Amino acid sequence: MLQGGARQSAVARELNVHRSVIHRLWNHYQRDQNSSRRRGSGRRRITTTADDSYLLQCARHRRTLTARQLASQLSVAAGRPISRQTVSRRLHEGGLFARRPVVVWRVNPRHIRRLLDHQTRIP
């Protein structure tokens, strides 16, 4: 649009962004003949978005698998080593957290009778 002669303010209005964004991108394009973004800082992720969705799907499908088992399964599928901690982080990002089942005593009819008998004896 800018190469066609449109003003920066008109382009900004058309794209619903601030005029300074258009100005900065246009200057960057004129200087480098490239408008792509620079890569951000920090370590690159070992898993792709496809790996992450596969992992979440496996975790939801087989809920009894541990993070270590999921890591080995994903490592085989992806063809590269993926740690248990990475799997745990990706599951947390996807909203899945580790849960420990509560130990509950089984109550049979005899227990209920004894409990009711004990309650009726208390004055």
PDB file of N, CA and C in Angstrom:
ATOM      1  N   MET A   1       0.832  -1.195   0.000  1.00  0.00           N
ATOM      2  CA  MET A   1       0.000   0.000   0.000  1.00  0.00           C
ATOM      3  C   MET A   1       0.868   1.246   0.000  1.00  0.00           C
ATOM      4  N   LEU A   2       1.937   1.184   0.804  1.00  0.00           N
ATOM      5  CA  LEU A   2       2.836   2.339   0.853  1.00  0.00           C
ATOM      6  C   LEU A   2       3.591   2.489  -0.457  1.00  0.00           C
ATOM      7  N   GLN A   3       3.967   1.371  -1.071  1.00  0.00           N
ATOM      8  CA  GLN A   3       4.650   1.443  -2.354  1.00  0.00           C
ATOM      9  C   GLN A   3       3.725   1.979  -3.436  1.00  0.00           C
ATOM     10  N   GLY A   4       2.427   1.784  -3.256  1.00  0.00           N
ATOM     11  CA  GLY A   4       1.444   2.292  -4.198  1.00  0.00           C
ATOM     12  C   GLY A   4       1.153   3.776  -4.018  1.00  0.00           C
ATOM     13  N   GLY A   5       1.731   4.405  -2.973  1.00  0.00           N
ATOM     14  CA  GLY A   5       1.557   5.835  -2.779  1.00  0.00           C
ATOM     15  C   GLY A   5       0.602   6.208  -1.654  1.00  0.00           C
ATOM     16  N   ALA A   6       0.096   5.224  -0.894  1.00  0.00           N
ATOM     17  CA  ALA A   6      -0.819   5.536   0.201  1.00  0.00           C
ATOM     18  C   ALA A   6      -0.045   6.171   1.356  1.00  0.00           C
ATOM     19  N   ARG A   7      -0.736   7.002   2.129  1.00  0.00           N
ATOM     20  CA  ARG A   7      -0.100   7.641   3.286  1.00  0.00           C
ATOM     21  C   ARG A   7      -0.054   6.654   4.450  1.00  0.00           C
ATOM     22  N   GLN A   8       0.925   6.848   5.336  1.00  0.00           N
ATOM     23  CA  GLN A   8       1.094   5.945   6.484  1.00  0.00           C
ATOM     24  C   GLN A   8      -0.133   5.969   7.394  1.00  0.00           C
ATOM     25  N   SER A   9      -0.709   7.135   7.580  1.00  0.00           N
ATOM     26  CA  SER A   9      -1.887   7.226   8.456  1.00  0.00           C
ATOM     27  C   SER A   9      -3.074   6.467   7.858  1.00  0.00           C
ATOM     28  N   ALA A  10      -3.209   6.497   6.535  1.00  0.00           N
ATOM     29  CA  ALA A  10      -4.307   5.773   5.884  1.00  0.00           C
ATOM     30  C   ALA A  10      -4.096   4.258   6.005  1.00  0.00           C
ATOM     31  N   VAL A  11      -2.853   3.824   5.846  1.00  0.00           N
ATOM     32  CA  VAL A  11      -2.550   2.406   5.973  1.00  0.00           C
ATOM     33  C   VAL A  11      -2.804   1.951   7.413  1.00  0.00           C
ATOM     34  N   ALA A  12      -2.404   2.769   8.383  1.00  0.00           N
ATOM     35  CA  ALA A  12      -2.611   2.432   9.792  1.00  0.00           C
ATOM     36  C   ALA A  12      -4.099   2.300  10.098  1.00  0.00           C
ATOM     37  N   ARG A  13      -4.893   3.208   9.566  1.00  0.00           N
ATOM     38  CA  ARG A  13      -6.340   3.141   9.780  1.00  0.00           C
ATOM     39  C   ARG A  13      -6.923   1.884   9.142  1.00  0.00           C
ATOM     40  N   GLU A  14      -6.445   1.572   7.943  1.00  0.00           N
ATOM     41  CA  GLU A  14      -6.935   0.402   7.219  1.00  0.00           C
ATOM     42  C   GLU A  14      -6.617  -0.907   7.973  1.00  0.00           C
ATOM     43  N   LEU A  15      -5.410  -0.975   8.551  1.00  0.00           N
ATOM     44  CA  LEU A  15      -4.985  -2.186   9.260  1.00  0.00           C
ATOM     45  C   LEU A  15      -5.332  -2.158  10.740  1.00  0.00           C
ATOM     46  N   ASN A  16      -5.889  -1.059  11.210  1.00  0.00           N
ATOM     47  CA  ASN A  16      -6.309  -0.897  12.593  1.00  0.00           C
ATOM     48  C   ASN A  16      -5.132  -1.056  13.571  1.00  0.00           C
ATOM     49  N   VAL A  17      -4.024  -0.378  13.231  1.00  0.00           N
ATOM     50  CA  VAL A  17      -2.859  -0.324  14.101  1.00  0.00           C
ATOM     51  C   VAL A  17      -2.440   1.137  14.235  1.00  0.00           C
ATOM     52  N   HIS A  18      -1.547   1.393  15.181  1.00  0.00           N
ATOM     53  CA  HIS A  18      -1.077   2.757  15.394  1.00  0.00           C
ATOM     54  C   HIS A  18      -0.157   3.171  14.254  1.00  0.00           C
ATOM     55  N   ARG A  19      -0.146   4.468  13.950  1.00  0.00           N
ATOM     56  CA  ARG A  19       0.666   5.005  12.868  1.00  0.00           C
ATOM     57  C   ARG A  19       2.148   4.715  13.080  1.00  0.00           C
ATOM     58  N   SER A  20       2.605   4.706  14.339  1.00  0.00           N
ATOM     59  CA  SER A  20       4.021   4.464  14.620  1.00  0.00           C
ATOM     60  C   SER A  20       4.453   3.051  14.212  1.00  0.00           C
ATOM     61  N   VAL A  21       3.532   2.109  14.254  1.00  0.00           N
ATOM     62  CA  VAL A  21       3.843   0.735  13.845  1.00  0.00           C
ATOM     63  C   VAL A  21       4.147   0.711  12.354  1.00  0.00           C
ATOM     64  N   ILE A  22       3.303   1.362  11.582  1.00  0.00           N
ATOM     65  CA  ILE A  22       3.503   1.429  10.134  1.00  0.00           C
ATOM     66  C   ILE A  22       4.808   2.158   9.816  1.00  0.00           C
ATOM     67  N   HIS A  23       5.072   3.253  10.529  1.00  0.00           N
ATOM     68  CA  HIS A  23       6.283   4.041  10.317  1.00  0.00           C
ATOM     69  C   HIS A  23       7.529   3.188  10.576  1.00  0.00           C
ATOM     70  N   ARG A  24       7.527   2.463  11.676  1.00  0.00           N
ATOM     71  CA  ARG A  24       8.679   1.635  12.038  1.00  0.00           C
ATOM     72  C   ARG A  24       8.888   0.510  11.021  1.00  0.00           C
ATOM     73  N   LEU A  25       7.800  -0.163  10.619  1.00  0.00           N
ATOM     74  CA  LEU A  25       7.919  -1.235   9.643  1.00  0.00           C
ATOM     75  C   LEU A  25       8.387  -0.719   8.286  1.00  0.00           C
ATOM     76  N   TRP A  26       7.903   0.426   7.886  1.00  0.00           N
ATOM     77  CA  TRP A  26       8.293   1.001   6.601  1.00  0.00           C
ATOM     78  C   TRP A  26       9.778   1.379   6.605  1.00  0.00           C
ATOM     79  N   ASN A  27      10.236   1.971   7.699  1.00  0.00           N
ATOM     80  CA  ASN A  27      11.658   2.309   7.803  1.00  0.00           C
ATOM     81  C   ASN A  27      12.520   1.052   7.786  1.00  0.00           C
ATOM     82  N   HIS A  28      12.081   0.023   8.495  1.00  0.00           N
ATOM     83  CA  HIS A  28      12.810  -1.246   8.520  1.00  0.00           C
ATOM     84  C   HIS A  28      12.875  -1.846   7.118  1.00  0.00           C
ATOM     85  N   TYR A  29      11.781  -1.813   6.389  1.00  0.00           N
ATOM     86  CA  TYR A  29      11.732  -2.372   5.043  1.00  0.00           C
ATOM     87  C   TYR A  29      12.641  -1.591   4.096  1.00  0.00           C
ATOM     88  N   GLN A  30      12.613  -0.262   4.202  1.00  0.00           N
ATOM     89  CA  GLN A  30      13.458   0.547   3.321  1.00  0.00           C
ATOM     90  C   GLN A  30      14.943   0.340   3.617  1.00  0.00           C
ATOM     91  N   ARG A  31      15.279   0.136   4.887  1.00  0.00           N
ATOM     92  CA  ARG A  31      16.671  -0.026   5.274  1.00  0.00           C
ATOM     93  C   ARG A  31      17.199  -1.415   4.876  1.00  0.00           C
ATOM     94  N   ASP A  32      16.432  -2.490   5.170  1.00  0.00           N
ATOM     95  CA  ASP A  32      16.916  -3.855   4.981  1.00  0.00           C
ATOM     96  C   ASP A  32      16.295  -4.586   3.793  1.00  0.00           C
ATOM     97  N   GLN A  33      15.332  -3.982   3.137  1.00  0.00           N
ATOM     98  CA  GLN A  33      14.583  -4.638   2.063  1.00  0.00           C
ATOM     99  C   GLN A  33      13.959  -5.948   2.549  1.00  0.00           C
ATOM    100  N   ASN A  34      13.537  -5.927   3.819  1.00  0.00           N
ATOM    101  CA  ASN A  34      12.966  -7.115   4.437  1.00  0.00           C
ATOM    102  C   ASN A  34      12.028  -6.650   5.540  1.00  0.00           C
ATOM    103  N   SER A  35      10.856  -7.247   5.615  1.00  0.00           N
ATOM    104  CA  SER A  35       9.916  -6.823   6.658  1.00  0.00           C
ATOM    105  C   SER A  35       9.654  -7.917   7.680  1.00  0.00           C
ATOM    106  N   SER A  36      10.451  -8.992   7.664  1.00  0.00           N
ATOM    107  CA  SER A  36      10.216 -10.084   8.612  1.00  0.00           C
ATOM    108  C   SER A  36      10.711  -9.694   9.996  1.00  0.00           C
ATOM    109  N   ARG A  37      10.119 -10.334  11.001  1.00  0.00           N
ATOM    110  CA  ARG A  37      10.486 -10.040  12.388  1.00  0.00           C
ATOM    111  C   ARG A  37      11.781 -10.736  12.747  1.00  0.00           C
ATOM    112  N   ARG A  38      12.496 -10.127  13.679  1.00  0.00           N
ATOM    113  CA  ARG A  38      13.684 -10.778  14.203  1.00  0.00           C
ATOM    114  C   ARG A  38      13.268 -11.860  15.185  1.00  0.00           C
ATOM    115  N   ARG A  39      14.093 -12.893  15.281  1.00  0.00           N
ATOM    116  CA  ARG A  39      13.809 -13.955  16.232  1.00  0.00           C
ATOM    117  C   ARG A  39      14.021 -13.431  17.642  1.00  0.00           C
ATOM    118  N   GLY A  40      13.155 -13.827  18.570  1.00  0.00           N
ATOM    119  CA  GLY A  40      13.253 -13.373  19.944  1.00  0.00           C
ATOM    120  C   GLY A  40      14.435 -13.986  20.667  1.00  0.00           C
ATOM    121  N   SER A  41      14.735 -13.442  21.814  1.00  0.00           N
ATOM    122  CA  SER A  41      15.850 -13.973  22.593  1.00  0.00           C
ATOM    123  C   SER A  41      15.389 -15.192  23.380  1.00  0.00           C
ATOM    124  N   GLY A  42      16.345 -15.900  23.927  1.00  0.00           N
ATOM    125  CA  GLY A  42      16.019 -17.064  24.736  1.00  0.00           C
ATOM    126  C   GLY A  42      16.249 -18.359  23.990  1.00  0.00           C
ATOM    127  N   ARG A  43      16.209 -19.428  24.734  1.00  0.00           N
ATOM    128  CA  ARG A  43      16.473 -20.744  24.170  1.00  0.00           C
ATOM    129  C   ARG A  43      15.310 -21.179  23.294  1.00  0.00           C
ATOM    130  N   ARG A  44      15.622 -21.846  22.187  1.00  0.00           N
ATOM    131  CA  ARG A  44      14.579 -22.345  21.288  1.00  0.00           C
ATOM    132  C   ARG A  44      13.918 -23.570  21.904  1.00  0.00           C
ATOM    133  N   ARG A  45      12.646 -23.733  21.640  1.00  0.00           N
ATOM    134  CA  ARG A  45      11.899 -24.855  22.201  1.00  0.00           C
ATOM    135  C   ARG A  45      12.244 -26.139  21.461  1.00  0.00           C
ATOM    136  N   ILE A  46      12.381 -27.220  22.233  1.00  0.00           N
ATOM    137  CA  ILE A  46      12.711 -28.524  21.651  1.00  0.00           C
ATOM    138  C   ILE A  46      11.479 -29.148  20.999  1.00  0.00           C
ATOM    139  N   THR A  47      10.294 -28.799  21.511  1.00  0.00           N
ATOM    140  CA  THR A  47       9.066 -29.382  20.967  1.00  0.00           C
ATOM    141  C   THR A  47       8.372 -28.367  20.065  1.00  0.00           C
ATOM    142  N   THR A  48       7.757 -28.884  19.030  1.00  0.00           N
ATOM    143  CA  THR A  48       6.976 -28.038  18.129  1.00  0.00           C
ATOM    144  C   THR A  48       5.540 -27.973  18.637  1.00  0.00           C
ATOM    145  N   THR A  49       4.735 -27.145  18.014  1.00  0.00           N
ATOM    146  CA  THR A  49       3.318 -27.084  18.416  1.00  0.00           C
ATOM    147  C   THR A  49       2.622 -28.410  18.124  1.00  0.00           C
ATOM    148  N   ALA A  50       3.045 -29.094  17.061  1.00  0.00           N
ATOM    149  CA  ALA A  50       2.468 -30.409  16.756  1.00  0.00           C
ATOM    150  C   ALA A  50       2.846 -31.419  17.841  1.00  0.00           C
ATOM    151  N   ASP A  51       4.100 -31.355  18.309  1.00  0.00           N
ATOM    152  CA  ASP A  51       4.519 -32.239  19.401  1.00  0.00           C
ATOM    153  C   ASP A  51       3.700 -31.967  20.656  1.00  0.00           C
ATOM    154  N   ASP A  52       3.473 -30.678  20.945  1.00  0.00           N
ATOM    155  CA  ASP A  52       2.711 -30.312  22.142  1.00  0.00           C
ATOM    156  C   ASP A  52       1.283 -30.839  22.071  1.00  0.00           C
ATOM    157  N   SER A  53       0.634 -30.710  20.894  1.00  0.00           N
ATOM    158  CA  SER A  53      -0.740 -31.210  20.805  1.00  0.00           C
ATOM    159  C   SER A  53      -0.793 -32.732  20.853  1.00  0.00           C
ATOM    160  N   TYR A  54       0.209 -33.398  20.272  1.00  0.00           N
ATOM    161  CA  TYR A  54       0.279 -34.860  20.355  1.00  0.00           C
ATOM    162  C   TYR A  54       0.429 -35.288  21.811  1.00  0.00           C
ATOM    163  N   LEU A  55       1.271 -34.584  22.540  1.00  0.00           N
ATOM    164  CA  LEU A  55       1.505 -34.901  23.945  1.00  0.00           C
ATOM    165  C   LEU A  55       0.225 -34.732  24.768  1.00  0.00           C
ATOM    166  N   LEU A  56      -0.483 -33.635  24.560  1.00  0.00           N
ATOM    167  CA  LEU A  56      -1.739 -33.402  25.297  1.00  0.00           C
ATOM    168  C   LEU A  56      -2.783 -34.447  24.940  1.00  0.00           C
ATOM    169  N   GLN A  57      -2.821 -34.817  23.665  1.00  0.00           N
ATOM    170  CA  GLN A  57      -3.780 -35.833  23.240  1.00  0.00           C
ATOM    171  C   GLN A  57      -3.474 -37.175  23.903  1.00  0.00           C
ATOM    172  N   CYS A  58      -2.192 -37.552  23.937  1.00  0.00           N
ATOM    173  CA  CYS A  58      -1.803 -38.818  24.588  1.00  0.00           C
ATOM    174  C   CYS A  58      -2.117 -38.781  26.081  1.00  0.00           C
ATOM    175  N   ALA A  59      -1.846 -37.640  26.718  1.00  0.00           N
ATOM    176  CA  ALA A  59      -2.069 -37.533  28.161  1.00  0.00           C
ATOM    177  C   ALA A  59      -3.556 -37.596  28.492  1.00  0.00           C
ATOM    178  N   ARG A  60      -4.391 -37.019  27.649  1.00  0.00           N
ATOM    179  CA  ARG A  60      -5.839 -37.068  27.907  1.00  0.00           C
ATOM    180  C   ARG A  60      -6.400 -38.448  27.603  1.00  0.00           C
ATOM    181  N   HIS A  61      -5.833 -39.099  26.585  1.00  0.00           N
ATOM    182  CA  HIS A  61      -6.344 -40.411  26.180  1.00  0.00           C
ATOM    183  C   HIS A  61      -5.977 -41.487  27.200  1.00  0.00           C
ATOM    184  N   ARG A  62      -4.732 -41.467  27.670  1.00  0.00           N
ATOM    185  CA  ARG A  62      -4.281 -42.447  28.663  1.00  0.00           C
ATOM    186  C   ARG A  62      -3.851 -41.693  29.908  1.00  0.00           C
ATOM    187  N   ARG A  63      -4.792 -41.477  30.806  1.00  0.00           N
ATOM    188  CA  ARG A  63      -4.585 -40.611  31.960  1.00  0.00           C
ATOM    189  C   ARG A  63      -3.674 -41.207  33.031  1.00  0.00           C
ATOM    190  N   THR A  64      -3.387 -42.496  32.940  1.00  0.00           N
ATOM    191  CA  THR A  64      -2.561 -43.122  33.966  1.00  0.00           C
ATOM    192  C   THR A  64      -1.068 -43.031  33.661  1.00  0.00           C
ATOM    193  N   LEU A  65      -0.687 -42.552  32.472  1.00  0.00           N
ATOM    194  CA  LEU A  65       0.725 -42.457  32.123  1.00  0.00           C
ATOM    195  C   LEU A  65       1.405 -41.346  32.916  1.00  0.00           C
ATOM    196  N   THR A  66       2.619 -41.614  33.341  1.00  0.00           N
ATOM    197  CA  THR A  66       3.399 -40.599  34.053  1.00  0.00           C
ATOM    198  C   THR A  66       4.108 -39.710  33.038  1.00  0.00           C
ATOM    199  N   ALA A  67       4.668 -38.602  33.524  1.00  0.00           N
ATOM    200  CA  ALA A  67       5.393 -37.689  32.646  1.00  0.00           C
ATOM    201  C   ALA A  67       6.610 -38.387  32.042  1.00  0.00           C
ATOM    202  N   ARG A  68       7.247 -39.255  32.810  1.00  0.00           N
ATOM    203  CA  ARG A  68       8.416 -39.978  32.297  1.00  0.00           C
ATOM    204  C   ARG A  68       8.018 -40.916  31.153  1.00  0.00           C
ATOM    205  N   GLN A  69       6.893 -41.607  31.306  1.00  0.00           N
ATOM    206  CA  GLN A  69       6.420 -42.495  30.242  1.00  0.00           C
ATOM    207  C   GLN A  69       6.007 -41.705  29.009  1.00  0.00           C
ATOM    208  N   LEU A  70       5.350 -40.563  29.227  1.00  0.00           N
ATOM    209  CA  LEU A  70       4.973 -39.712  28.100  1.00  0.00           C
ATOM    210  C   LEU A  70       6.203 -39.172  27.389  1.00  0.00           C
ATOM    211  N   ALA A  71       7.257 -38.847  28.157  1.00  0.00           N
ATOM    212  CA  ALA A  71       8.488 -38.332  27.563  1.00  0.00           C
ATOM    213  C   ALA A  71       9.127 -39.381  26.662  1.00  0.00           C
ATOM    214  N   SER A  72       9.172 -40.626  27.129  1.00  0.00           N
ATOM    215  CA  SER A  72       9.779 -41.669  26.293  1.00  0.00           C
ATOM    216  C   SER A  72       8.931 -41.925  25.053  1.00  0.00           C
ATOM    217  N   GLN A  73       7.618 -41.873  25.199  1.00  0.00           N
ATOM    218  CA  GLN A  73       6.722 -42.077  24.055  1.00  0.00           C
ATOM    219  C   GLN A  73       6.889 -40.950  23.038  1.00  0.00           C
ATOM    220  N   LEU A  74       6.979 -39.707  23.503  1.00  0.00           N
ATOM    221  CA  LEU A  74       7.149 -38.562  22.607  1.00  0.00           C
ATOM    222  C   LEU A  74       8.531 -38.570  21.970  1.00  0.00           C
ATOM    223  N   SER A  75       9.549 -39.012  22.711  1.00  0.00           N
ATOM    224  CA  SER A  75      10.907 -39.089  22.149  1.00  0.00           C
ATOM    225  C   SER A  75      10.953 -40.061  20.973  1.00  0.00           C
ATOM    226  N   VAL A  76      10.262 -41.184  21.113  1.00  0.00           N
ATOM    227  CA  VAL A  76      10.213 -42.154  20.024  1.00  0.00           C
ATOM    228  C   VAL A  76       9.464 -41.563  18.828  1.00  0.00           C
ATOM    229  N   ALA A  77       8.352 -40.898  19.091  1.00  0.00           N
ATOM    230  CA  ALA A  77       7.542 -40.336  18.004  1.00  0.00           C
ATOM    231  C   ALA A  77       8.263 -39.179  17.304  1.00  0.00           C
ATOM    232  N   ALA A  78       8.958 -38.336  18.082  1.00  0.00           N
ATOM    233  CA  ALA A  78       9.605 -37.158  17.503  1.00  0.00           C
ATOM    234  C   ALA A  78      10.987 -37.480  16.944  1.00  0.00           C
ATOM    235  N   GLY A  79      11.604 -38.549  17.426  1.00  0.00           N
ATOM    236  CA  GLY A  79      12.919 -38.916  16.940  1.00  0.00           C
ATOM    237  C   GLY A  79      14.055 -38.132  17.572  1.00  0.00           C
ATOM    238  N   ARG A  80      13.798 -37.501  18.691  1.00  0.00           N
ATOM    239  CA  ARG A  80      14.844 -36.761  19.416  1.00  0.00           C
ATOM    240  C   ARG A  80      14.546 -36.847  20.907  1.00  0.00           C
ATOM    241  N   PRO A  81      15.572 -36.750  21.753  1.00  0.00           N
ATOM    242  CA  PRO A  81      15.332 -36.884  23.200  1.00  0.00           C
ATOM    243  C   PRO A  81      14.563 -35.690  23.767  1.00  0.00           C
ATOM    244  N   ILE A  82      13.571 -35.992  24.589  1.00  0.00           N
ATOM    245  CA  ILE A  82      12.768 -34.965  25.251  1.00  0.00           C
ATOM    246  C   ILE A  82      12.678 -35.345  26.718  1.00  0.00           C
ATOM    247  N   SER A  83      12.992 -34.406  27.599  1.00  0.00           N
ATOM    248  CA  SER A  83      13.082 -34.728  29.025  1.00  0.00           C
ATOM    249  C   SER A  83      11.711 -34.773  29.696  1.00  0.00           C
ATOM    250  N   ARG A  84      11.694 -35.400  30.871  1.00  0.00           N
ATOM    251  CA  ARG A  84      10.476 -35.481  31.662  1.00  0.00           C
ATOM    252  C   ARG A  84      10.025 -34.100  32.088  1.00  0.00           C
ATOM    253  N   GLN A  85      10.979 -33.227  32.429  1.00  0.00           N
ATOM    254  CA  GLN A  85      10.636 -31.877  32.884  1.00  0.00           C
ATOM    255  C   GLN A  85       9.986 -31.068  31.763  1.00  0.00           C
ATOM    256  N   THR A  86      10.474 -31.233  30.540  1.00  0.00           N
ATOM    257  CA  THR A  86       9.869 -30.548  29.390  1.00  0.00           C
ATOM    258  C   THR A  86       8.435 -31.006  29.197  1.00  0.00           C
ATOM    259  N   VAL A  87       8.222 -32.318  29.301  1.00  0.00           N
ATOM    260  CA  VAL A  87       6.869 -32.871  29.161  1.00  0.00           C
ATOM    261  C   VAL A  87       5.967 -32.305  30.250  1.00  0.00           C
ATOM    262  N   SER A  88       6.470 -32.244  31.480  1.00  0.00           N
ATOM    263  CA  SER A  88       5.683 -31.714  32.585  1.00  0.00           C
ATOM    264  C   SER A  88       5.305 -30.252  32.332  1.00  0.00           C
ATOM    265  N   ARG A  89       6.267 -29.458  31.822  1.00  0.00           N
ATOM    266  CA  ARG A  89       5.988 -28.046  31.518  1.00  0.00           C
ATOM    267  C   ARG A  89       4.935 -27.910  30.429  1.00  0.00           C
ATOM    268  N   ARG A  90       5.045 -28.731  29.386  1.00  0.00           N
ATOM    269  CA  ARG A  90       4.065 -28.649  28.286  1.00  0.00           C
ATOM    270  C   ARG A  90       2.678 -29.070  28.760  1.00  0.00           C
ATOM    271  N   LEU A  91       2.610 -30.056  29.647  1.00  0.00           N
ATOM    272  CA  LEU A  91       1.308 -30.464  30.183  1.00  0.00           C
ATOM    273  C   LEU A  91       0.704 -29.342  31.023  1.00  0.00           C
ATOM    274  N   HIS A  92       1.529 -28.646  31.799  1.00  0.00           N
ATOM    275  CA  HIS A  92       1.035 -27.525  32.591  1.00  0.00           C
ATOM    276  C   HIS A  92       0.524 -26.409  31.691  1.00  0.00           C
ATOM    277  N   GLU A  93       1.257 -26.134  30.601  1.00  0.00           N
ATOM    278  CA  GLU A  93       0.796 -25.109  29.654  1.00  0.00           C
ATOM    279  C   GLU A  93      -0.544 -25.490  29.048  1.00  0.00           C
ATOM    280  N   GLY A  94      -0.766 -26.793  28.874  1.00  0.00           N
ATOM    281  CA  GLY A  94      -2.021 -27.276  28.304  1.00  0.00           C
ATOM    282  C   GLY A  94      -3.131 -27.438  29.316  1.00  0.00           C
ATOM    283  N   GLY A  95      -2.843 -27.136  30.602  1.00  0.00           N
ATOM    284  CA  GLY A  95      -3.883 -27.194  31.630  1.00  0.00           C
ATOM    285  C   GLY A  95      -3.996 -28.541  32.320  1.00  0.00           C
ATOM    286  N   LEU A  96      -3.027 -29.432  32.119  1.00  0.00           N
ATOM    287  CA  LEU A  96      -3.054 -30.737  32.786  1.00  0.00           C
ATOM    288  C   LEU A  96      -2.024 -30.735  33.903  1.00  0.00           C
ATOM    289  N   PHE A  97      -2.453 -31.116  35.079  1.00  0.00           N
ATOM    290  CA  PHE A  97      -1.576 -31.119  36.248  1.00  0.00           C
ATOM    291  C   PHE A  97      -1.607 -32.494  36.884  1.00  0.00           C
ATOM    292  N   ALA A  98      -0.552 -32.835  37.608  1.00  0.00           N
ATOM    293  CA  ALA A  98      -0.480 -34.137  38.273  1.00  0.00           C
ATOM    294  C   ALA A  98      -1.461 -34.169  39.436  1.00  0.00           C
ATOM    295  N   ARG A  99      -2.109 -35.287  39.566  1.00  0.00           N
ATOM    296  CA  ARG A  99      -3.036 -35.461  40.679  1.00  0.00           C
ATOM    297  C   ARG A  99      -2.711 -36.772  41.358  1.00  0.00           C
ATOM    298  N   ARG A 100      -2.805 -36.793  42.661  1.00  0.00           N
ATOM    299  CA  ARG A 100      -2.588 -38.023  43.419  1.00  0.00           C
ATOM    300  C   ARG A 100      -3.943 -38.485  43.927  1.00  0.00           C
ATOM    301  N   PRO A 101      -4.338 -39.724  43.637  1.00  0.00           N
ATOM    302  CA  PRO A 101      -5.642 -40.184  44.098  1.00  0.00           C
ATOM    303  C   PRO A 101      -5.683 -40.286  45.617  1.00  0.00           C
ATOM    304  N   VAL A 102      -6.796 -39.925  46.189  1.00  0.00           N
ATOM    305  CA  VAL A 102      -6.972 -39.975  47.635  1.00  0.00           C
ATOM    306  C   VAL A 102      -7.272 -41.414  48.040  1.00  0.00           C
ATOM    307  N   VAL A 103      -6.618 -41.876  49.094  1.00  0.00           N
ATOM    308  CA  VAL A 103      -6.866 -43.232  49.589  1.00  0.00           C
ATOM    309  C   VAL A 103      -8.130 -43.197  50.434  1.00  0.00           C
ATOM    310  N   VAL A 104      -9.108 -43.982  50.056  1.00  0.00           N
ATOM    311  CA  VAL A 104     -10.389 -44.013  50.753  1.00  0.00           C
ATOM    312  C   VAL A 104     -10.636 -45.437  51.221  1.00  0.00           C
ATOM    313  N   TRP A 105     -11.049 -45.573  52.481  1.00  0.00           N
ATOM    314  CA  TRP A 105     -11.364 -46.899  53.006  1.00  0.00           C
ATOM    315  C   TRP A 105     -12.663 -47.381  52.396  1.00  0.00           C
ATOM    316  N   ARG A 106     -12.664 -48.635  52.018  1.00  0.00           N
ATOM    317  CA  ARG A 106     -13.903 -49.212  51.497  1.00  0.00           C
ATOM    318  C   ARG A 106     -14.849 -49.496  52.655  1.00  0.00           C
ATOM    319  N   VAL A 107     -16.097 -49.126  52.475  1.00  0.00           N
ATOM    320  CA  VAL A 107     -17.091 -49.321  53.528  1.00  0.00           C
ATOM    321  C   VAL A 107     -18.069 -50.382  53.052  1.00  0.00           C
ATOM    322  N   ASN A 108     -18.198 -51.440  53.852  1.00  0.00           N
ATOM    323  CA  ASN A 108     -19.146 -52.487  53.496  1.00  0.00           C
ATOM    324  C   ASN A 108     -20.343 -52.426  54.464  1.00  0.00           C
ATOM    325  N   PRO A 109     -21.378 -53.188  54.238  1.00  0.00           N
ATOM    326  CA  PRO A 109     -22.575 -53.127  55.095  1.00  0.00           C
ATOM    327  C   PRO A 109     -22.282 -53.404  56.571  1.00  0.00           C
ATOM    328  N   ARG A 110     -21.322 -54.270  56.863  1.00  0.00           N
ATOM    329  CA  ARG A 110     -20.979 -54.557  58.258  1.00  0.00           C
ATOM    330  C   ARG A 110     -20.448 -53.294  58.952  1.00  0.00           C
ATOM    331  N   HIS A 111     -19.609 -52.532  58.260  1.00  0.00           N
ATOM    332  CA  HIS A 111     -19.096 -51.283  58.832  1.00  0.00           C
ATOM    333  C   HIS A 111     -20.244 -50.315  59.140  1.00  0.00           C
ATOM    334  N   ILE A 112     -21.179 -50.233  58.217  1.00  0.00           N
ATOM    335  CA  ILE A 112     -22.307 -49.305  58.410  1.00  0.00           C
ATOM    336  C   ILE A 112     -23.131 -49.726  59.624  1.00  0.00           C
ATOM    337  N   ARG A 113     -23.396 -51.062  59.762  1.00  0.00           N
ATOM    338  CA  ARG A 113     -24.158 -51.554  60.922  1.00  0.00           C
ATOM    339  C   ARG A 113     -23.452 -51.216  62.219  1.00  0.00           C
ATOM    340  N   ARG A 114     -22.137 -51.459  62.252  1.00  0.00           N
ATOM    341  CA  ARG A 114     -21.377 -51.175  63.476  1.00  0.00           C
ATOM    342  C   ARG A 114     -21.402 -49.690  63.803  1.00  0.00           C
ATOM    343  N   LEU A 115     -21.302 -48.866  62.777  1.00  0.00           N
ATOM    344  CA  LEU A 115     -21.330 -47.416  63.002  1.00  0.00           C
ATOM    345  C   LEU A 115     -22.697 -46.987  63.540  1.00  0.00           C
ATOM    346  N   LEU A 116     -23.777 -47.524  62.965  1.00  0.00           N
ATOM    347  CA  LEU A 116     -25.112 -47.160  63.416  1.00  0.00           C
ATOM    348  C   LEU A 116     -25.378 -47.687  64.824  1.00  0.00           C
ATOM    349  N   ASP A 117     -24.913 -48.901  65.131  1.00  0.00           N
ATOM    350  CA  ASP A 117     -25.065 -49.454  66.482  1.00  0.00           C
ATOM    351  C   ASP A 117     -24.319 -48.605  67.500  1.00  0.00           C
ATOM    352  N   HIS A 118     -23.148 -48.172  67.134  1.00  0.00           N
ATOM    353  CA  HIS A 118     -22.341 -47.362  68.048  1.00  0.00           C
ATOM    354  C   HIS A 118     -23.013 -46.010  68.304  1.00  0.00           C
ATOM    355  N   GLN A 119     -23.652 -45.435  67.291  1.00  0.00           N
ATOM    356  CA  GLN A 119     -24.303 -44.140  67.452  1.00  0.00           C
ATOM    357  C   GLN A 119     -25.558 -44.255  68.309  1.00  0.00           C
ATOM    358  N   THR A 120     -26.265 -45.372  68.225  1.00  0.00           N
ATOM    359  CA  THR A 120     -27.492 -45.530  69.016  1.00  0.00           C
ATOM    360  C   THR A 120     -27.194 -45.772  70.479  1.00  0.00           C
ATOM    361  N   ARG A 121     -25.990 -46.293  70.828  1.00  0.00           N
ATOM    362  CA  ARG A 121     -25.641 -46.544  72.224  1.00  0.00           C
ATOM    363  C   ARG A 121     -25.208 -45.272  72.962  1.00  0.00           C
ATOM    364  N   ILE A 122     -24.785 -44.285  72.224  1.00  0.00           N
ATOM    365  CA  ILE A 122     -24.310 -43.035  72.890  1.00  0.00           C
ATOM    366  C   ILE A 122     -25.516 -42.289  73.435  1.00  0.00           C
ATOM    367  N   PRO A 123     -25.487 -41.962  74.737  1.00  0.00           N
ATOM    368  CA  PRO A 123     -26.650 -41.277  75.330  1.00  0.00           C
ATOM    369  C   PRO A 123     -26.801 -39.857  74.868  1.00  0.00           C
TER     370      PRO A 123
END
